Amino acid sequence: MGTQLTDVELGKMIHAVDQLSTEVDRLTVRIDQLESQLDKGKGVLLGVFVVASGIGAAMSTLIQKVFSS
């Protein structure tokens, strides 16, 4: 009760698999790019946090000096 594929159907299936493989490769590259951007974004976010903390500490010191005089 096995079904036999015609040459045309087999060709269509091979073509569909090739297209799917190409699309998977393209999406894999895109995911790698997005992961790289995310890693860079985390670094930038950490840098902004550190700078903001430093600015906050400097402002606190400045305000303390102004009001303690």
C-alpha atoms as a PDB file:
ATOM      1  CA  MET A   1       0.000   0.000   0.000  1.00  0.00           C
ATOM      2  CA  GLY A   2       3.026   2.289  -0.484  1.00  0.00           C
ATOM      3  CA  THR A   3       2.571   5.412  -2.538  1.00  0.00           C
ATOM      4  CA  GLN A   4       4.914   6.004  -5.423  1.00  0.00           C
ATOM      5  CA  LEU A   5       6.017   9.544  -6.176  1.00  0.00           C
ATOM      6  CA  THR A   6       6.137  10.648  -9.765  1.00  0.00           C
ATOM      7  CA  ASP A   7       9.281  12.277 -11.053  1.00  0.00           C
ATOM      8  CA  VAL A   8       7.524  15.655 -11.010  1.00  0.00           C
ATOM      9  CA  GLU A   9       6.389  15.217  -7.397  1.00  0.00           C
ATOM     10  CA  LEU A  10       9.861  14.081  -6.381  1.00  0.00           C
ATOM     11  CA  GLY A  11      11.394  17.109  -8.117  1.00  0.00           C
ATOM     12  CA  LYS A  12       8.954  19.428  -6.342  1.00  0.00           C
ATOM     13  CA  MET A  13       9.769  17.831  -3.000  1.00  0.00           C
ATOM     14  CA  ILE A  14      13.532  18.159  -3.578  1.00  0.00           C
ATOM     15  CA  HIS A  15      13.049  21.803  -4.585  1.00  0.00           C
ATOM     16  CA  ALA A  16      10.952  22.476  -1.454  1.00  0.00           C
ATOM     17  CA  VAL A  17      13.600  20.860   0.764  1.00  0.00           C
ATOM     18  CA  ASP A  18      16.327  22.931  -0.905  1.00  0.00           C
ATOM     19  CA  GLN A  19      14.319  26.122  -0.343  1.00  0.00           C
ATOM     20  CA  LEU A  20      13.701  25.179   3.277  1.00  0.00           C
ATOM     21  CA  SER A  21      17.396  24.460   3.810  1.00  0.00           C
ATOM     22  CA  THR A  22      18.316  27.849   2.307  1.00  0.00           C
ATOM     23  CA  GLU A  23      15.785  29.612   4.509  1.00  0.00           C
ATOM     24  CA  VAL A  24      17.078  27.829   7.635  1.00  0.00           C
ATOM     25  CA  ASP A  25      20.634  28.903   6.767  1.00  0.00           C
ATOM     26  CA  ARG A  26      19.512  32.510   6.259  1.00  0.00           C
ATOM     27  CA  LEU A  27      17.602  32.552   9.547  1.00  0.00           C
ATOM     28  CA  THR A  28      20.576  31.023  11.375  1.00  0.00           C
ATOM     29  CA  VAL A  29      22.763  33.883  10.159  1.00  0.00           C
ATOM     30  CA  ARG A  30      20.113  36.400  11.207  1.00  0.00           C
ATOM     31  CA  ILE A  31      19.835  34.854  14.687  1.00  0.00           C
ATOM     32  CA  ASP A  32      23.618  35.050  15.060  1.00  0.00           C
ATOM     33  CA  GLN A  33      23.493  38.737  14.110  1.00  0.00           C
ATOM     34  CA  LEU A  34      20.711  39.443  16.595  1.00  0.00           C
ATOM     35  CA  GLU A  35      22.557  37.606  19.375  1.00  0.00           C
ATOM     36  CA  SER A  36      25.654  39.691  18.641  1.00  0.00           C
ATOM     37  CA  GLN A  37      23.611  42.903  18.789  1.00  0.00           C
ATOM     38  CA  LEU A  38      22.044  41.768  22.064  1.00  0.00           C
ATOM     39  CA  ASP A  39      25.474  41.074  23.584  1.00  0.00           C
ATOM     40  CA  LYS A  40      26.670  44.517  22.493  1.00  0.00           C
ATOM     41  CA  GLY A  41      23.494  46.055  23.887  1.00  0.00           C
ATOM     42  CA  LYS A  42      24.082  44.405  27.260  1.00  0.00           C
ATOM     43  CA  GLY A  43      27.590  45.895  27.327  1.00  0.00           C
ATOM     44  CA  VAL A  44      26.283  49.339  26.457  1.00  0.00           C
ATOM     45  CA  LEU A  45      23.558  49.060  29.078  1.00  0.00           C
ATOM     46  CA  LEU A  46      26.116  48.064  31.714  1.00  0.00           C
ATOM     47  CA  GLY A  47      28.302  51.005  30.673  1.00  0.00           C
ATOM     48  CA  VAL A  48      25.374  53.417  30.944  1.00  0.00           C
ATOM     49  CA  PHE A  49      24.545  52.031  34.382  1.00  0.00           C
ATOM     50  CA  VAL A  50      28.126  52.458  35.597  1.00  0.00           C
ATOM     51  CA  VAL A  51      28.315  56.019  34.227  1.00  0.00           C
ATOM     52  CA  ALA A  52      24.940  56.884  35.751  1.00  0.00           C
ATOM     53  CA  SER A  53      26.086  55.506  39.102  1.00  0.00           C
ATOM     54  CA  GLY A  54      29.255  57.589  38.921  1.00  0.00           C
ATOM     55  CA  ILE A  55      27.322  60.724  38.039  1.00  0.00           C
ATOM     56  CA  GLY A  56      24.884  60.036  40.880  1.00  0.00           C
ATOM     57  CA  ALA A  57      27.743  59.645  43.359  1.00  0.00           C
ATOM     58  CA  ALA A  58      29.389  62.853  42.120  1.00  0.00           C
ATOM     59  CA  MET A  59      26.120  64.778  42.382  1.00  0.00           C
ATOM     60  CA  SER A  60      25.550  63.422  45.878  1.00  0.00           C
ATOM     61  CA  THR A  61      29.016  64.542  46.954  1.00  0.00           C
ATOM     62  CA  LEU A  62      28.514  67.960  45.378  1.00  0.00           C
ATOM     63  CA  ILE A  63      25.128  68.456  47.030  1.00  0.00           C
ATOM     64  CA  GLN A  64      26.549  67.328  50.371  1.00  0.00           C
ATOM     65  CA  LYS A  65      29.393  69.863  50.093  1.00  0.00           C
ATOM     66  CA  VAL A  66      27.021  72.672  49.108  1.00  0.00           C
ATOM     67  CA  PHE A  67      24.611  72.094  51.984  1.00  0.00           C
ATOM     68  CA  SER A  68      27.233  71.313  54.630  1.00  0.00           C
ATOM     69  CA  SER A  69      29.002  74.659  54.148  1.00  0.00           C
END
